[in-house]
Protein backbone atom coordinates (compact mmCIF):
# COMPACT_ATOMS: atom_id res chain seq x y z
CA MET A 1 152.50 -155.21 113.22
CA ASN A 2 155.29 -156.21 110.89
CA GLU A 3 158.69 -154.50 110.64
CA LYS A 4 159.45 -153.45 107.04
CA PRO A 5 157.12 -155.95 105.34
CA LYS A 6 157.68 -157.02 101.76
CA PRO A 7 154.78 -156.13 99.43
CA HIS A 8 153.30 -159.65 99.65
CA GLU A 9 153.43 -159.49 103.47
CA VAL A 10 151.34 -156.31 103.81
CA PHE A 11 148.03 -157.11 105.46
CA SER A 12 146.82 -153.62 106.35
CA PRO A 13 146.63 -150.16 104.74
CA TYR A 14 148.05 -148.65 107.95
CA ALA A 15 151.64 -147.83 108.88
CA ILE A 16 153.35 -146.76 112.07
CA LEU A 17 155.17 -143.46 111.63
CA GLY A 18 157.52 -143.98 114.54
CA ARG A 19 156.28 -141.51 117.14
CA TYR A 20 155.29 -143.11 120.43
CA VAL A 21 154.32 -142.31 123.99
CA LEU A 22 154.93 -145.55 125.87
CA THR A 23 154.78 -146.77 129.44
CA SER A 24 157.89 -148.17 131.10
CA GLY A 25 156.49 -151.67 130.48
CA ILE A 26 158.11 -151.62 127.05
CA PHE A 27 161.58 -151.81 128.61
CA ASP A 28 160.93 -155.15 130.31
CA ILE A 29 159.48 -156.50 127.08
CA LEU A 30 162.48 -155.39 125.02
CA GLU A 31 164.92 -156.74 127.61
CA HIS A 32 163.50 -160.26 127.19
CA GLN A 33 162.82 -160.10 123.47
CA GLN A 34 164.59 -162.17 120.84
CA PRO A 35 166.23 -160.38 117.91
CA GLY A 36 163.87 -159.82 114.99
CA TYR A 37 164.23 -158.15 111.60
CA GLY A 38 167.89 -157.66 110.69
CA GLY A 39 168.99 -159.63 113.75
CA GLU A 40 168.19 -156.64 115.99
CA ILE A 41 165.78 -156.05 118.85
CA GLN A 42 162.85 -154.32 117.16
CA LEU A 43 160.49 -151.90 118.85
CA THR A 44 157.75 -153.09 116.48
CA ASP A 45 158.00 -156.59 117.96
CA GLY A 46 157.86 -155.13 121.45
CA LEU A 47 154.76 -153.12 120.54
CA ARG A 48 153.10 -156.29 119.29
CA THR A 49 153.63 -157.83 122.74
CA LEU A 50 152.70 -154.64 124.60
CA CYS A 51 149.33 -154.32 122.83
CA HIS A 52 148.27 -157.61 124.46
CA GLN A 53 149.22 -156.29 127.92
CA GLU A 54 148.12 -152.65 127.82
CA LYS A 55 145.69 -150.44 125.99
CA MET A 56 147.14 -148.80 122.89
CA VAL A 57 145.67 -145.92 120.94
CA ALA A 58 146.61 -144.42 117.57
CA VAL A 59 146.13 -141.17 115.72
CA ASP A 60 144.91 -141.26 112.13
CA PHE A 61 147.59 -139.25 110.32
CA GLU A 62 146.84 -137.45 107.10
CA GLY A 63 149.82 -136.02 105.32
CA ARG A 64 153.00 -136.87 103.50
CA ARG A 65 154.99 -139.86 104.75
CA TYR A 66 158.74 -140.17 104.20
CA ASP A 67 160.81 -143.32 104.49
CA THR A 68 163.80 -141.85 106.31
CA GLY A 69 165.28 -145.30 106.80
CA ASN A 70 167.09 -144.93 103.49
CA LEU A 71 169.28 -142.14 102.14
CA LYS A 72 166.99 -141.04 99.29
CA GLY A 73 163.93 -140.83 101.55
CA PHE A 74 165.92 -138.95 104.18
CA LEU A 75 167.16 -136.43 101.60
CA GLU A 76 163.67 -136.04 100.13
CA ALA A 77 162.23 -135.27 103.57
CA THR A 78 165.05 -132.87 104.43
CA ILE A 79 164.74 -130.97 101.16
CA ASP A 80 160.92 -130.78 101.31
CA PHE A 81 160.98 -129.43 104.86
CA ALA A 82 163.81 -127.01 104.09
CA LEU A 83 161.88 -125.69 101.08
CA GLU A 84 158.84 -125.03 103.28
CA HIS A 85 160.79 -123.43 106.14
CA PRO A 86 160.68 -119.60 106.16
CA GLU A 87 164.39 -119.30 107.03
CA THR A 88 165.70 -121.70 104.37
CA GLY A 89 163.08 -121.98 101.59
CA ASP A 90 164.15 -119.07 99.38
CA TRP A 91 167.84 -119.75 99.91
CA LEU A 92 167.48 -123.46 99.05
CA ARG A 93 165.45 -122.75 95.90
CA GLY A 94 168.22 -120.42 94.71
CA PHE A 95 170.93 -122.91 95.65
CA LEU A 96 169.19 -125.76 93.80
CA ARG A 97 168.56 -123.55 90.76
CA GLU A 98 172.26 -122.62 90.66
CA LYS A 99 173.39 -126.23 91.14
CA SER A 100 171.09 -127.49 88.38
CA GLN A 101 172.51 -124.91 85.93
CA ASN A 102 176.15 -125.40 86.97
CA PRO A 103 176.62 -128.98 88.19
């Protein structure tokens, strides 16, 4: 596992989408962990340690992935989900149509 790898650092076609069910063992690991990417304690680093101590399982996800760690990805995800939602889809399509005609 590698937190936000650069393209030349990618060694697997898999990604972690950030949804976990963890045992309390992760807290002890994180408490004793050195800062990683960005000078922060990273859950990814803790998971790398945890997988050597406990069994870990994954779910093969098929679907659209959004990088919500940046503003454009966050907005893209928000707009896509709002367009699909029955309470906001029609309203948002109208709003975007109006905004695109009258910026």
